[in-house]
Amino acid sequence: MNLREKIQHLITRFKQLNGDPHYVALGMAIGVFISVTPTIPFHTVIALALAFILRGSKAAAAIGVWFSNPITIPFFYKGSYDLGISILGNSAPFSTEYESILELLKLGADVTIAMITGGVILGFLPAIAAYFITRRIFIKLRLRKKSRI
C-alpha cells in the first residue's frame, strides 16, 4: 500500500465509525490531544484509556493519535519544550532527536516535566478544533445517510 492508498483507507475507516456525532468527536479530540503530548510510545494506550473513562469513541481516539506522525513530532516536541520551560522557568538542554518519553526521561525530570506540561497545554487547541470539525462532519454524514434512506 502506498501513502495515498493508506490515507484513503484511513478516511474510509473514519467515515465508517459508529455512534452519534458527539461520541465520535469526543474520541477524536482525545486522540488529537494525546498526540500532541510527548508520550510516545504510549499515545494509543493513553488515548484509549481516556476515551473509555470519558465515554468517547475508542476507535476515533485511536485514529486521532495519528495527528502525531514523523513529520509533526519534532514540532510538537520543540513547542512542548519551549512552552513548558517558559511556564516552569527551568532551563535544560533539548534536542529533537528524542522520539519517546523513555528517551526524554534520560534528560532528567526538568526536561520531561517541562515537555509534558507544555504538551498538555499545546494539546487543548487542536483537540477543541478536532472536536468541532469531527462533530460537524459526522452530523453531515448522518444527515446524508438519512436522506438516502
Protein backbone atom coordinates (compact mmCIF):
# COMPACT_ATOMS: atom_id res chain seq x y z
CA MET A 1 0.00 0.00 0.00
CA ASN A 2 1.40 3.39 -0.94
CA LEU A 3 0.84 6.56 1.09
CA ARG A 4 -2.16 7.68 -0.96
CA GLU A 5 -3.90 4.33 -0.50
CA LYS A 6 -3.19 4.38 3.24
CA ILE A 7 -4.70 7.86 3.57
CA GLN A 8 -7.74 6.83 1.55
CA HIS A 9 -8.15 3.74 3.73
CA LEU A 10 -7.93 5.87 6.89
CA ILE A 11 -10.59 8.27 5.54
CA THR A 12 -12.87 5.35 4.68
CA ARG A 13 -12.44 3.87 8.17
CA PHE A 14 -13.09 7.30 9.68
CA LYS A 15 -16.38 7.65 7.80
CA GLN A 16 -17.47 4.19 8.96
CA LEU A 17 -17.16 4.98 12.68
CA ASN A 18 -20.31 4.22 14.63
CA GLY A 19 -22.01 6.39 17.23
CA ASP A 20 -23.55 9.78 17.46
CA PRO A 21 -21.51 12.81 16.36
CA HIS A 22 -20.64 13.85 19.94
CA TYR A 23 -19.33 10.36 20.80
CA VAL A 24 -17.11 10.17 17.71
CA ALA A 25 -15.94 13.79 18.03
CA LEU A 26 -15.04 13.33 21.69
CA GLY A 27 -12.93 10.28 20.83
CA MET A 28 -11.20 12.18 18.02
CA ALA A 29 -10.49 15.15 20.29
CA ILE A 30 -8.99 12.84 22.92
CA GLY A 31 -6.75 11.18 20.33
CA VAL A 32 -5.57 14.51 18.90
CA PHE A 33 -4.96 15.91 22.39
CA ILE A 34 -2.81 12.93 23.38
CA SER A 35 -0.96 13.02 20.06
CA VAL A 36 0.45 16.45 20.88
CA THR A 37 1.87 15.33 24.22
CA PRO A 38 5.37 13.83 24.30
CA THR A 39 4.17 10.43 25.48
CA ILE A 40 5.30 8.20 22.62
CA PRO A 41 5.15 5.10 22.67
CA PHE A 42 2.07 5.29 24.91
CA HIS A 43 -0.16 7.53 22.75
CA THR A 44 -2.67 4.89 21.74
CA VAL A 45 -2.89 3.28 25.18
CA ILE A 46 -3.43 6.63 26.90
CA ALA A 47 -5.96 7.77 24.29
CA LEU A 48 -7.94 4.53 24.57
CA ALA A 49 -7.95 4.72 28.37
CA LEU A 50 -9.15 8.35 28.33
CA ALA A 51 -11.79 7.55 25.69
CA PHE A 52 -13.05 4.73 27.92
CA ILE A 53 -13.12 6.95 31.03
CA LEU A 54 -14.70 9.95 29.25
CA ARG A 55 -17.05 7.76 27.18
CA GLY A 56 -15.78 8.78 23.77
CA SER A 57 -15.21 6.62 20.72
CA LYS A 58 -12.17 4.44 21.26
CA ALA A 59 -11.81 3.86 17.52
CA ALA A 60 -11.85 7.62 16.84
CA ALA A 61 -9.29 8.16 19.63
CA ALA A 62 -7.00 5.57 18.01
CA ILE A 63 -7.33 7.38 14.67
CA GLY A 64 -6.79 10.78 16.32
CA VAL A 65 -3.38 9.85 17.68
CA TRP A 66 -2.17 9.73 14.07
CA PHE A 67 -2.21 13.54 14.16
CA SER A 68 1.22 12.93 15.62
CA ASN A 69 3.47 11.48 12.95
CA PRO A 70 7.14 11.59 11.94
CA ILE A 71 6.60 14.98 10.29
CA THR A 72 4.77 16.70 13.17
CA ILE A 73 6.54 15.13 16.16
CA PRO A 74 9.66 17.38 16.09
CA PHE A 75 7.43 20.48 16.04
CA PHE A 76 5.25 19.18 18.88
CA TYR A 77 8.29 18.26 20.95
CA LYS A 78 10.04 21.59 20.41
CA GLY A 79 6.84 23.54 21.10
CA SER A 80 6.14 21.46 24.21
CA TYR A 81 9.66 22.02 25.45
CA ASP A 82 9.69 25.77 24.81
CA LEU A 83 6.27 26.34 26.40
CA GLY A 84 6.99 24.08 29.37
CA ILE A 85 10.35 25.68 30.07
CA SER A 86 8.88 29.19 29.87
CA ILE A 87 6.00 28.31 32.21
CA LEU A 88 8.10 26.43 34.74
CA GLY A 89 11.09 28.78 34.47
CA ASN A 90 13.59 25.98 34.02
CA SER A 91 16.44 25.78 31.60
CA ALA A 92 17.70 22.46 30.31
CA PRO A 93 19.27 21.12 27.11
CA PHE A 94 16.95 19.82 24.43
CA SER A 95 17.29 18.01 21.13
CA THR A 96 14.54 16.95 18.72
CA GLU A 97 16.30 13.62 18.21
CA TYR A 98 14.47 12.16 21.20
CA GLU A 99 11.50 10.22 19.91
CA SER A 100 9.92 8.76 23.02
CA ILE A 101 9.11 9.60 26.60
CA LEU A 102 11.57 6.89 27.64
CA GLU A 103 14.41 8.70 25.86
CA LEU A 104 13.29 12.04 27.35
CA LEU A 105 13.49 10.61 30.85
CA LYS A 106 17.23 10.23 30.27
CA LEU A 107 17.48 14.03 30.03
CA GLY A 108 16.17 14.37 33.55
CA ALA A 109 12.98 15.28 35.34
CA ASP A 110 13.19 19.01 34.48
CA VAL A 111 13.01 18.42 30.73
CA THR A 112 10.44 15.64 30.97
CA ILE A 113 8.10 17.61 33.25
CA ALA A 114 8.51 20.74 31.13
CA MET A 115 7.68 18.86 27.94
CA ILE A 116 4.66 17.12 29.40
CA THR A 117 3.39 20.42 30.84
CA GLY A 118 3.90 22.19 27.52
CA GLY A 119 2.38 19.30 25.57
CA VAL A 120 -0.75 19.24 27.71
CA ILE A 121 -1.25 22.98 27.22
CA LEU A 122 -0.50 22.82 23.48
CA GLY A 123 -2.89 19.90 23.06
CA PHE A 124 -6.03 21.82 24.03
CA LEU A 125 -6.44 23.97 20.91
CA PRO A 126 -6.03 21.16 18.34
CA ALA A 127 -8.29 18.93 20.46
CA ILE A 128 -11.05 21.55 20.57
CA ALA A 129 -10.72 22.12 16.83
CA ALA A 130 -10.78 18.35 16.19
CA TYR A 131 -13.94 18.01 18.28
CA PHE A 132 -15.91 20.65 16.40
CA ILE A 133 -14.63 19.67 12.95
CA THR A 134 -15.33 15.97 13.54
CA ARG A 135 -18.74 16.68 15.05
CA ARG A 136 -19.71 18.81 12.07
CA ILE A 137 -18.50 16.17 9.59
CA PHE A 138 -20.45 13.43 11.34
CA ILE A 139 -23.62 15.48 11.57
CA LYS A 140 -23.42 15.97 7.80
CA LEU A 141 -22.61 12.30 7.20
CA ARG A 142 -25.58 11.20 9.32
CA LEU A 143 -27.92 13.63 7.55
CA ARG A 144 -26.77 12.36 4.13
CA LYS A 145 -27.29 8.80 5.25
CA LYS A 146 -30.85 9.60 6.47
CA SER A 147 -31.74 11.40 3.26
CA ARG A 148 -30.67 8.37 1.19
CA ILE A 149 -32.96 6.09 3.17
